Amino acid sequence: MKKILLLAAIAGLAAYQGNAQKLMTRTGKVSFFSATPVENIEAFNNEVAGVLDTKSGDLMFIVPIKSFKFEKALMQEHFNENYMESDKFPKAEYKGKADLAGVNFTKDGSYKVKASGKLTMHGVTKDVSGPGTIVVKAGSATVNAKFTVNPTDYGIKIPAVASSKISDKIEVTIDTNLKNK
């Protein structure tokens, strides 16, 4: 299933391309963090596919849900089976546009940007926007952004027994290096 999802992501990214300059990755990094007085939960995913069109600002990330890794195997199992239902909803997807007006992709530097778009997760699509940073270095660009999501906004049910351990505000961090392919 993981290979099928990766092939679909690559095909989707390829279809997303035109004649403009594209920066891409298939090993992007996304993490999330849930903080509560009872327990902190953190997971990392290094299998994210992403593309940025440096001319139009079009931006897309495809995140395979089962690729999130947790410190505790039981957390990972509950995440996939009970909350994210990753067999039914195998990926999350962000499609948006970054305001690249001040970004010079030919000059090394750090540039503040704002992105807005749609995040689809667990079969639900919501608008997500916020600030980020693009760091250009030696022809590649690292995209850094943080935003919060509320699991219930995406139809993710948290049982009462676990509600004290899972925050209603999950911090999502993107730290992904995109290169010219």
N, C-alpha and C. Protein backbone atom coordinates (compact mmCIF):
# COMPACT_ATOMS: atom_id res chain seq x y z
N MET A 1 0.83 -1.20 0.00
CA MET A 1 0.00 0.00 0.00
C MET A 1 0.87 1.25 0.00
N LYS A 2 1.98 1.21 0.76
CA LYS A 2 2.86 2.36 0.85
C LYS A 2 3.45 2.70 -0.52
N LYS A 3 3.83 1.65 -1.29
CA LYS A 3 4.39 1.87 -2.62
C LYS A 3 3.35 2.45 -3.57
N ILE A 4 2.12 1.96 -3.48
CA ILE A 4 1.05 2.49 -4.33
C ILE A 4 0.82 3.96 -4.01
N LEU A 5 0.78 4.30 -2.72
CA LEU A 5 0.58 5.69 -2.31
C LEU A 5 1.71 6.57 -2.81
N LEU A 6 2.96 6.10 -2.70
CA LEU A 6 4.10 6.87 -3.16
C LEU A 6 4.04 7.07 -4.67
N LEU A 7 3.69 6.02 -5.42
CA LEU A 7 3.56 6.16 -6.88
C LEU A 7 2.45 7.14 -7.23
N ALA A 8 1.34 7.09 -6.52
CA ALA A 8 0.25 8.03 -6.76
C ALA A 8 0.69 9.46 -6.45
N ALA A 9 1.45 9.63 -5.38
CA ALA A 9 1.95 10.95 -5.02
C ALA A 9 2.89 11.49 -6.10
N ILE A 10 3.78 10.63 -6.58
CA ILE A 10 4.72 11.05 -7.62
C ILE A 10 3.97 11.42 -8.89
N ALA A 11 2.97 10.60 -9.26
CA ALA A 11 2.17 10.90 -10.45
C ALA A 11 1.42 12.22 -10.27
N GLY A 12 0.89 12.43 -9.06
CA GLY A 12 0.19 13.68 -8.79
C GLY A 12 1.11 14.88 -8.86
N LEU A 13 2.31 14.72 -8.36
CA LEU A 13 3.29 15.81 -8.42
C LEU A 13 3.71 16.07 -9.86
N ALA A 14 3.90 15.01 -10.62
CA ALA A 14 4.28 15.18 -12.02
C ALA A 14 3.18 15.90 -12.80
N ALA A 15 1.93 15.55 -12.52
CA ALA A 15 0.82 16.21 -13.19
C ALA A 15 0.72 17.66 -12.78
N TYR A 16 1.18 17.98 -11.59
CA TYR A 16 1.13 19.32 -11.04
C TYR A 16 2.15 20.23 -11.72
N GLN A 17 3.09 19.65 -12.44
CA GLN A 17 4.16 20.41 -13.07
C GLN A 17 3.75 20.93 -14.43
N GLY A 18 4.30 22.03 -14.82
CA GLY A 18 4.14 22.60 -16.14
C GLY A 18 5.51 22.96 -16.65
N ASN A 19 5.67 24.15 -17.22
CA ASN A 19 6.96 24.57 -17.73
C ASN A 19 7.75 25.42 -16.74
N ALA A 20 7.14 25.83 -15.66
CA ALA A 20 7.83 26.69 -14.70
C ALA A 20 8.80 25.88 -13.85
N GLN A 21 9.66 26.58 -13.13
CA GLN A 21 10.63 25.94 -12.25
C GLN A 21 9.93 25.27 -11.09
N LYS A 22 10.23 23.99 -10.89
CA LYS A 22 9.65 23.24 -9.79
C LYS A 22 10.74 22.79 -8.83
N LEU A 23 10.48 22.94 -7.57
CA LEU A 23 11.33 22.39 -6.53
C LEU A 23 10.53 21.27 -5.88
N MET A 24 11.17 20.09 -5.72
CA MET A 24 10.42 18.91 -5.27
C MET A 24 11.17 18.13 -4.19
N THR A 25 10.42 17.27 -3.52
CA THR A 25 11.00 16.29 -2.61
C THR A 25 10.08 15.07 -2.55
N ARG A 26 10.67 13.96 -2.21
CA ARG A 26 9.91 12.74 -1.90
C ARG A 26 10.28 12.26 -0.50
N THR A 27 11.12 13.04 0.17
CA THR A 27 11.56 12.70 1.53
C THR A 27 11.38 13.89 2.47
N GLY A 28 10.27 14.59 2.29
CA GLY A 28 9.98 15.75 3.13
C GLY A 28 9.69 15.36 4.57
N LYS A 29 9.78 16.34 5.45
CA LYS A 29 9.60 16.10 6.88
C LYS A 29 8.42 16.90 7.42
N VAL A 30 7.53 16.18 8.09
CA VAL A 30 6.40 16.78 8.79
C VAL A 30 6.32 16.12 10.16
N SER A 31 6.05 16.90 11.17
CA SER A 31 5.88 16.34 12.51
C SER A 31 4.67 16.98 13.15
N PHE A 32 4.18 16.34 14.21
CA PHE A 32 3.13 16.98 14.99
C PHE A 32 3.38 16.77 16.46
N PHE A 33 2.80 17.67 17.27
CA PHE A 33 3.01 17.66 18.70
C PHE A 33 1.70 17.99 19.40
N SER A 34 1.34 17.17 20.36
CA SER A 34 0.15 17.38 21.19
C SER A 34 0.61 17.49 22.63
N ALA A 35 0.31 18.59 23.27
CA ALA A 35 0.73 18.80 24.66
C ALA A 35 -0.50 18.87 25.57
N THR A 36 -0.48 18.06 26.61
CA THR A 36 -1.51 18.12 27.66
C THR A 36 -0.82 17.96 29.00
N PRO A 37 -1.48 18.32 30.09
CA PRO A 37 -0.87 18.11 31.41
C PRO A 37 -0.60 16.62 31.71
N VAL A 38 -1.33 15.73 31.06
CA VAL A 38 -1.18 14.29 31.31
C VAL A 38 -0.04 13.69 30.50
N GLU A 39 0.05 14.09 29.21
CA GLU A 39 1.02 13.45 28.33
C GLU A 39 1.29 14.31 27.10
N ASN A 40 2.53 14.28 26.64
CA ASN A 40 2.90 14.89 25.37
C ASN A 40 3.03 13.79 24.33
N ILE A 41 2.54 14.06 23.14
CA ILE A 41 2.62 13.08 22.05
C ILE A 41 3.28 13.77 20.86
N GLU A 42 4.27 13.10 20.30
CA GLU A 42 5.00 13.65 19.16
C GLU A 42 5.22 12.53 18.14
N ALA A 43 5.09 12.89 16.86
CA ALA A 43 5.33 11.92 15.79
C ALA A 43 6.02 12.61 14.63
N PHE A 44 6.81 11.83 13.88
CA PHE A 44 7.59 12.34 12.76
C PHE A 44 7.32 11.53 11.51
N ASN A 45 7.35 12.21 10.37
CA ASN A 45 7.13 11.56 9.08
C ASN A 45 8.18 12.11 8.10
N ASN A 46 9.01 11.23 7.55
CA ASN A 46 10.06 11.64 6.61
C ASN A 46 9.81 11.12 5.20
N GLU A 47 8.54 10.85 4.87
CA GLU A 47 8.20 10.31 3.56
C GLU A 47 7.19 11.19 2.83
N VAL A 48 7.27 12.48 3.05
CA VAL A 48 6.33 13.42 2.47
C VAL A 48 6.77 13.83 1.08
N ALA A 49 5.84 13.80 0.13
CA ALA A 49 6.11 14.28 -1.22
C ALA A 49 5.64 15.73 -1.29
N GLY A 50 6.45 16.58 -1.91
CA GLY A 50 6.08 17.99 -1.99
C GLY A 50 6.62 18.64 -3.24
N VAL A 51 5.95 19.69 -3.68
CA VAL A 51 6.39 20.46 -4.84
C VAL A 51 6.02 21.92 -4.65
N LEU A 52 6.92 22.79 -5.07
CA LEU A 52 6.69 24.23 -5.06
C LEU A 52 7.02 24.77 -6.43
N ASP A 53 6.06 25.45 -7.05
CA ASP A 53 6.28 26.13 -8.32
C ASP A 53 6.80 27.52 -7.98
N THR A 54 8.06 27.78 -8.30
CA THR A 54 8.68 29.05 -7.91
C THR A 54 8.15 30.24 -8.70
N LYS A 55 7.45 30.00 -9.77
CA LYS A 55 6.87 31.11 -10.55
C LYS A 55 5.49 31.49 -10.04
N SER A 56 4.61 30.49 -9.87
CA SER A 56 3.22 30.77 -9.49
C SER A 56 2.99 30.75 -7.98
N GLY A 57 3.87 30.08 -7.24
CA GLY A 57 3.68 29.93 -5.80
C GLY A 57 2.81 28.73 -5.44
N ASP A 58 2.36 27.97 -6.46
CA ASP A 58 1.56 26.78 -6.17
C ASP A 58 2.40 25.81 -5.32
N LEU A 59 1.75 25.24 -4.34
CA LEU A 59 2.43 24.42 -3.35
C LEU A 59 1.56 23.21 -3.06
N MET A 60 2.18 22.03 -2.98
CA MET A 60 1.42 20.82 -2.66
C MET A 60 2.29 19.87 -1.84
N PHE A 61 1.67 19.28 -0.81
CA PHE A 61 2.31 18.26 -0.01
C PHE A 61 1.36 17.07 0.11
N ILE A 62 1.91 15.87 -0.02
CA ILE A 62 1.14 14.64 0.19
C ILE A 62 1.83 13.87 1.32
N VAL A 63 1.06 13.58 2.37
CA VAL A 63 1.61 12.98 3.58
C VAL A 63 0.99 11.60 3.79
N PRO A 64 1.79 10.52 3.64
CA PRO A 64 1.26 9.19 3.94
C PRO A 64 1.09 9.01 5.46
N ILE A 65 -0.12 8.77 5.89
CA ILE A 65 -0.44 8.74 7.32
C ILE A 65 0.31 7.63 8.06
N LYS A 66 0.40 6.46 7.48
CA LYS A 66 1.06 5.35 8.17
C LYS A 66 2.56 5.56 8.33
N SER A 67 3.12 6.58 7.71
CA SER A 67 4.56 6.83 7.82
C SER A 67 4.93 7.66 9.05
N PHE A 68 3.94 8.09 9.83
CA PHE A 68 4.26 8.78 11.08
C PHE A 68 4.83 7.77 12.07
N LYS A 69 5.94 8.14 12.70
CA LYS A 69 6.61 7.29 13.68
C LYS A 69 6.51 7.92 15.06
N PHE A 70 6.16 7.10 16.03
CA PHE A 70 5.98 7.52 17.41
C PHE A 70 7.03 6.87 18.30
N GLU A 71 7.24 7.45 19.47
CA GLU A 71 8.18 6.87 20.44
C GLU A 71 7.66 5.52 20.93
N LYS A 72 6.35 5.41 21.12
CA LYS A 72 5.74 4.18 21.62
C LYS A 72 4.93 3.51 20.51
N ALA A 73 5.17 2.22 20.31
CA ALA A 73 4.47 1.47 19.26
C ALA A 73 2.96 1.48 19.47
N LEU A 74 2.51 1.43 20.71
CA LEU A 74 1.07 1.42 20.98
C LEU A 74 0.41 2.74 20.55
N MET A 75 1.12 3.85 20.74
CA MET A 75 0.60 5.14 20.27
C MET A 75 0.42 5.12 18.75
N GLN A 76 1.42 4.59 18.07
CA GLN A 76 1.37 4.52 16.61
C GLN A 76 0.19 3.64 16.16
N GLU A 77 -0.01 2.53 16.84
CA GLU A 77 -1.12 1.64 16.50
C GLU A 77 -2.46 2.33 16.72
N HIS A 78 -2.64 2.99 17.86
CA HIS A 78 -3.89 3.70 18.14
C HIS A 78 -4.11 4.84 17.13
N PHE A 79 -3.05 5.57 16.82
CA PHE A 79 -3.13 6.66 15.86
C PHE A 79 -3.67 6.15 14.52
N ASN A 80 -3.10 5.07 14.01
CA ASN A 80 -3.49 4.55 12.69
C ASN A 80 -4.86 3.86 12.70
N GLU A 81 -5.13 3.06 13.73
CA GLU A 81 -6.35 2.26 13.73
C GLU A 81 -7.56 3.01 14.30
N ASN A 82 -7.36 3.68 15.43
CA ASN A 82 -8.51 4.25 16.14
C ASN A 82 -8.83 5.70 15.76
N TYR A 83 -7.81 6.48 15.48
CA TYR A 83 -8.04 7.90 15.25
C TYR A 83 -8.02 8.28 13.78
N MET A 84 -6.91 8.02 13.10
CA MET A 84 -6.77 8.44 11.71
C MET A 84 -7.40 7.47 10.72
N GLU A 85 -7.69 6.25 11.16
CA GLU A 85 -8.26 5.23 10.27
C GLU A 85 -7.48 5.20 8.95
N SER A 86 -6.18 5.00 9.08
CA SER A 86 -5.28 5.18 7.93
C SER A 86 -5.48 4.16 6.81
N ASP A 87 -6.14 3.04 7.07
CA ASP A 87 -6.47 2.15 5.95
C ASP A 87 -7.56 2.78 5.08
N LYS A 88 -8.48 3.47 5.70
CA LYS A 88 -9.58 4.14 4.99
C LYS A 88 -9.15 5.49 4.42
N PHE A 89 -8.29 6.22 5.16
CA PHE A 89 -7.81 7.54 4.77
C PHE A 89 -6.28 7.52 4.78
N PRO A 90 -5.63 6.98 3.74
CA PRO A 90 -4.19 6.73 3.78
C PRO A 90 -3.28 7.95 3.65
N LYS A 91 -3.83 9.10 3.30
CA LYS A 91 -2.97 10.27 3.13
C LYS A 91 -3.68 11.54 3.57
N ALA A 92 -2.86 12.52 3.87
CA ALA A 92 -3.32 13.90 4.05
C ALA A 92 -2.71 14.68 2.90
N GLU A 93 -3.39 15.72 2.46
CA GLU A 93 -2.92 16.47 1.31
C GLU A 93 -3.15 17.96 1.53
N TYR A 94 -2.14 18.73 1.22
CA TYR A 94 -2.26 20.19 1.27
C TYR A 94 -2.02 20.74 -0.13
N LYS A 95 -2.96 21.53 -0.62
CA LYS A 95 -2.81 22.23 -1.90
C LYS A 95 -3.05 23.70 -1.63
N GLY A 96 -2.07 24.51 -1.98
CA GLY A 96 -2.23 25.93 -1.72
C GLY A 96 -1.32 26.78 -2.57
N LYS A 97 -1.19 28.00 -2.13
CA LYS A 97 -0.38 28.98 -2.84
C LYS A 97 0.40 29.78 -1.82
N ALA A 98 1.69 29.94 -2.09
CA ALA A 98 2.54 30.76 -1.24
C ALA A 98 2.77 32.11 -1.93
N ASP A 99 2.74 33.17 -1.16
CA ASP A 99 3.04 34.50 -1.69
C ASP A 99 4.56 34.63 -1.75
N LEU A 100 5.11 34.50 -2.96
CA LEU A 100 6.56 34.50 -3.15
C LEU A 100 7.09 35.84 -3.66
N ALA A 101 6.33 36.91 -3.49
CA ALA A 101 6.70 38.21 -4.05
C ALA A 101 8.11 38.66 -3.66
N GLY A 102 8.52 38.41 -2.44
CA GLY A 102 9.84 38.88 -2.00
C GLY A 102 10.93 37.83 -2.05
N VAL A 103 10.64 36.65 -2.60
CA VAL A 103 11.60 35.55 -2.58
C VAL A 103 12.44 35.55 -3.86
N ASN A 104 13.75 35.52 -3.69
CA ASN A 104 14.67 35.42 -4.82
C ASN A 104 15.33 34.04 -4.76
N PHE A 105 14.89 33.13 -5.64
CA PHE A 105 15.38 31.76 -5.61
C PHE A 105 16.79 31.62 -6.18
N THR A 106 17.35 32.71 -6.69
CA THR A 106 18.73 32.67 -7.19
C THR A 106 19.72 33.24 -6.18
N LYS A 107 19.21 33.73 -5.04
CA LYS A 107 20.07 34.34 -4.03
C LYS A 107 19.84 33.67 -2.68
N ASP A 108 20.91 33.16 -2.08
CA ASP A 108 20.81 32.54 -0.77
C ASP A 108 20.26 33.55 0.23
N GLY A 109 19.35 33.08 1.08
CA GLY A 109 18.77 33.94 2.09
C GLY A 109 17.55 33.32 2.73
N SER A 110 17.03 33.99 3.72
CA SER A 110 15.83 33.56 4.43
C SER A 110 14.71 34.55 4.13
N TYR A 111 13.58 34.03 3.69
CA TYR A 111 12.48 34.88 3.23
C TYR A 111 11.19 34.49 3.95
N LYS A 112 10.50 35.49 4.48
CA LYS A 112 9.21 35.28 5.13
C LYS A 112 8.14 35.19 4.03
N VAL A 113 7.25 34.23 4.16
CA VAL A 113 6.17 34.05 3.20
C VAL A 113 4.87 33.76 3.94
N LYS A 114 3.79 33.86 3.22
CA LYS A 114 2.50 33.45 3.75
C LYS A 114 1.89 32.50 2.73
N ALA A 115 1.31 31.43 3.23
CA ALA A 115 0.67 30.46 2.36
C ALA A 115 -0.79 30.28 2.78
N SER A 116 -1.62 30.01 1.82
CA SER A 116 -3.02 29.68 2.12
C SER A 116 -3.45 28.59 1.15
N GLY A 117 -4.28 27.71 1.66
CA GLY A 117 -4.74 26.62 0.83
C GLY A 117 -5.70 25.72 1.58
N LYS A 118 -5.82 24.51 1.08
CA LYS A 118 -6.76 23.55 1.64
C LYS A 118 -6.01 22.31 2.11
N LEU A 119 -6.30 21.91 3.34
CA LEU A 119 -5.76 20.69 3.93
C LEU A 119 -6.87 19.65 3.96
N THR A 120 -6.61 18.52 3.32
CA THR A 120 -7.56 17.41 3.35
C THR A 120 -6.96 16.31 4.20
N MET A 121 -7.71 15.92 5.22
CA MET A 121 -7.25 14.89 6.15
C MET A 121 -8.48 14.16 6.67
N HIS A 122 -8.39 12.85 6.76
CA HIS A 122 -9.47 12.03 7.30
C HIS A 122 -10.77 12.27 6.52
N GLY A 123 -10.63 12.58 5.22
CA GLY A 123 -11.78 12.78 4.35
C GLY A 123 -12.45 14.14 4.45
N VAL A 124 -11.86 15.06 5.20
CA VAL A 124 -12.42 16.40 5.40
C VAL A 124 -11.43 17.43 4.89
N THR A 125 -11.94 18.45 4.19
CA THR A 125 -11.09 19.51 3.65
C THR A 125 -11.42 20.83 4.36
N LYS A 126 -10.38 21.50 4.83
CA LYS A 126 -10.52 22.79 5.52
C LYS A 126 -9.47 23.76 5.00
N ASP A 127 -9.80 25.05 5.08
CA ASP A 127 -8.84 26.09 4.74
C ASP A 127 -7.79 26.18 5.84
N VAL A 128 -6.52 26.30 5.41
CA VAL A 128 -5.41 26.48 6.34
C VAL A 128 -4.51 27.55 5.76
N SER A 129 -4.14 28.52 6.57
CA SER A 129 -3.22 29.56 6.10
C SER A 129 -2.34 29.99 7.26
N GLY A 130 -1.21 30.58 6.89
CA GLY A 130 -0.33 31.06 7.92
C GLY A 130 1.03 31.43 7.38
N PRO A 131 1.86 31.98 8.27
CA PRO A 131 3.21 32.39 7.86
C PRO A 131 4.17 31.21 7.80
N GLY A 132 5.23 31.42 7.07
CA GLY A 132 6.29 30.42 6.98
C GLY A 132 7.57 31.10 6.56
N THR A 133 8.58 30.30 6.39
CA THR A 133 9.89 30.81 5.95
C THR A 133 10.41 29.90 4.86
N ILE A 134 10.99 30.50 3.84
CA ILE A 134 11.70 29.75 2.81
C ILE A 134 13.16 30.16 2.91
N VAL A 135 14.01 29.18 3.12
CA VAL A 135 15.45 29.43 3.19
C VAL A 135 16.06 28.88 1.90
N VAL A 136 16.63 29.80 1.10
CA VAL A 136 17.26 29.42 -0.17
C VAL A 136 18.75 29.26 0.08
N LYS A 137 19.30 28.12 -0.35
CA LYS A 137 20.72 27.88 -0.21
C LYS A 137 21.18 26.93 -1.30
N ALA A 138 22.12 27.37 -2.08
CA ALA A 138 22.75 26.54 -3.11
C ALA A 138 21.74 25.89 -4.04
N GLY A 139 20.73 26.64 -4.46
CA GLY A 139 19.79 26.14 -5.44
C GLY A 139 18.65 25.31 -4.89
N SER A 140 18.61 25.08 -3.59
CA SER A 140 17.47 24.37 -3.01
C SER A 140 16.77 25.32 -2.04
N ALA A 141 15.58 24.94 -1.63
CA ALA A 141 14.79 25.78 -0.73
C ALA A 141 14.23 24.91 0.39
N THR A 142 14.40 25.36 1.62
CA THR A 142 13.81 24.67 2.76
C THR A 142 12.57 25.45 3.17
N VAL A 143 11.45 24.75 3.21
CA VAL A 143 10.18 25.35 3.61
C VAL A 143 9.95 25.01 5.07
N ASN A 144 9.75 26.04 5.89
CA ASN A 144 9.47 25.88 7.31
C ASN A 144 8.15 26.57 7.63
N ALA A 145 7.27 25.86 8.30
CA ALA A 145 5.99 26.46 8.71
C ALA A 145 5.44 25.68 9.90
N LYS A 146 4.64 26.37 10.70
CA LYS A 146 3.93 25.75 11.81
C LYS A 146 2.49 26.24 11.78
N PHE A 147 1.58 25.33 12.05
CA PHE A 147 0.17 25.70 12.18
C PHE A 147 -0.50 24.69 13.10
N THR A 148 -1.70 25.00 13.55
CA THR A 148 -2.40 24.08 14.44
C THR A 148 -3.65 23.55 13.75
N VAL A 149 -4.00 22.33 14.11
CA VAL A 149 -5.24 21.73 13.64
C VAL A 149 -5.98 21.16 14.85
N ASN A 150 -7.28 21.16 14.76
CA ASN A 150 -8.13 20.57 15.78
C ASN A 150 -8.65 19.25 15.21
N PRO A 151 -8.33 18.11 15.83
CA PRO A 151 -8.76 16.82 15.28
C PRO A 151 -10.26 16.74 15.00
N THR A 152 -11.09 17.31 15.87
CA THR A 152 -12.54 17.21 15.66
C THR A 152 -12.99 17.96 14.41
N ASP A 153 -12.24 18.99 13.99
CA ASP A 153 -12.57 19.71 12.76
C ASP A 153 -12.47 18.79 11.54
N TYR A 154 -11.70 17.73 11.66
CA TYR A 154 -11.49 16.79 10.56
C TYR A 154 -12.21 15.46 10.81
N GLY A 155 -13.18 15.46 11.70
CA GLY A 155 -13.98 14.27 11.95
C GLY A 155 -13.21 13.18 12.67
N ILE A 156 -12.12 13.53 13.34
CA ILE A 156 -11.33 12.55 14.08
C ILE A 156 -11.89 12.50 15.50
N LYS A 157 -12.39 11.33 15.85
CA LYS A 157 -13.04 11.17 17.15
C LYS A 157 -12.03 10.71 18.20
N ILE A 158 -12.00 11.43 19.30
CA ILE A 158 -11.13 11.09 20.42
C ILE A 158 -12.04 10.54 21.53
N PRO A 159 -11.87 9.27 21.90
CA PRO A 159 -12.72 8.71 22.96
C PRO A 159 -12.52 9.46 24.28
N ALA A 160 -13.56 9.49 25.08
CA ALA A 160 -13.51 10.21 26.37
C ALA A 160 -12.35 9.73 27.23
N VAL A 161 -12.06 8.44 27.19
CA VAL A 161 -10.99 7.89 28.01
C VAL A 161 -9.62 8.46 27.61
N ALA A 162 -9.46 8.91 26.38
CA ALA A 162 -8.17 9.45 25.91
C ALA A 162 -8.18 10.97 25.79
N SER A 163 -9.30 11.61 26.03
CA SER A 163 -9.40 13.06 25.79
C SER A 163 -8.46 13.89 26.66
N SER A 164 -8.09 13.40 27.82
CA SER A 164 -7.16 14.17 28.67
C SER A 164 -5.71 14.03 28.19
N LYS A 165 -5.45 13.07 27.29
CA LYS A 165 -4.09 12.82 26.80
C LYS A 165 -3.83 13.41 25.42
N ILE A 166 -4.89 13.85 24.73
CA ILE A 166 -4.73 14.36 23.37
C ILE A 166 -5.30 15.77 23.31
N SER A 167 -4.48 16.71 22.93
CA SER A 167 -4.88 18.11 22.87
C SER A 167 -5.87 18.35 21.74
N ASP A 168 -6.71 19.36 21.91
CA ASP A 168 -7.60 19.75 20.82
C ASP A 168 -6.91 20.72 19.87
N LYS A 169 -5.66 21.04 20.17
CA LYS A 169 -4.83 21.87 19.29
C LYS A 169 -3.53 21.14 19.04
N ILE A 170 -3.42 20.55 17.86
CA ILE A 170 -2.23 19.79 17.49
C ILE A 170 -1.33 20.70 16.65
N GLU A 171 -0.09 20.88 17.08
CA GLU A 171 0.85 21.71 16.35
C GLU A 171 1.53 20.87 15.26
N VAL A 172 1.39 21.32 14.02
CA VAL A 172 1.99 20.65 12.87
C VAL A 172 3.18 21.48 12.39
N THR A 173 4.32 20.83 12.18
CA THR A 173 5.53 21.51 11.72
C THR A 173 5.99 20.91 10.41
N ILE A 174 6.25 21.79 9.45
CA ILE A 174 6.81 21.39 8.16
C ILE A 174 8.24 21.91 8.11
N ASP A 175 9.17 21.05 7.82
CA ASP A 175 10.58 21.41 7.69
C ASP A 175 11.14 20.56 6.55
N THR A 176 10.92 21.03 5.34
CA THR A 176 11.14 20.21 4.15
C THR A 176 12.05 20.90 3.15
N ASN A 177 13.07 20.17 2.73
CA ASN A 177 13.99 20.69 1.73
C ASN A 177 13.51 20.28 0.34
N LEU A 178 13.33 21.27 -0.53
CA LEU A 178 12.89 21.04 -1.91
C LEU A 178 14.03 21.36 -2.85
N LYS A 179 14.23 20.49 -3.84
CA LYS A 179 15.31 20.68 -4.79
C LYS A 179 14.79 20.65 -6.20
N ASN A 180 15.55 21.27 -7.10
CA ASN A 180 15.23 21.25 -8.52
C ASN A 180 15.44 19.83 -9.03
N LYS A 181 14.43 19.25 -9.63
CA LYS A 181 14.52 17.87 -10.13
C LYS A 181 14.63 17.85 -11.64
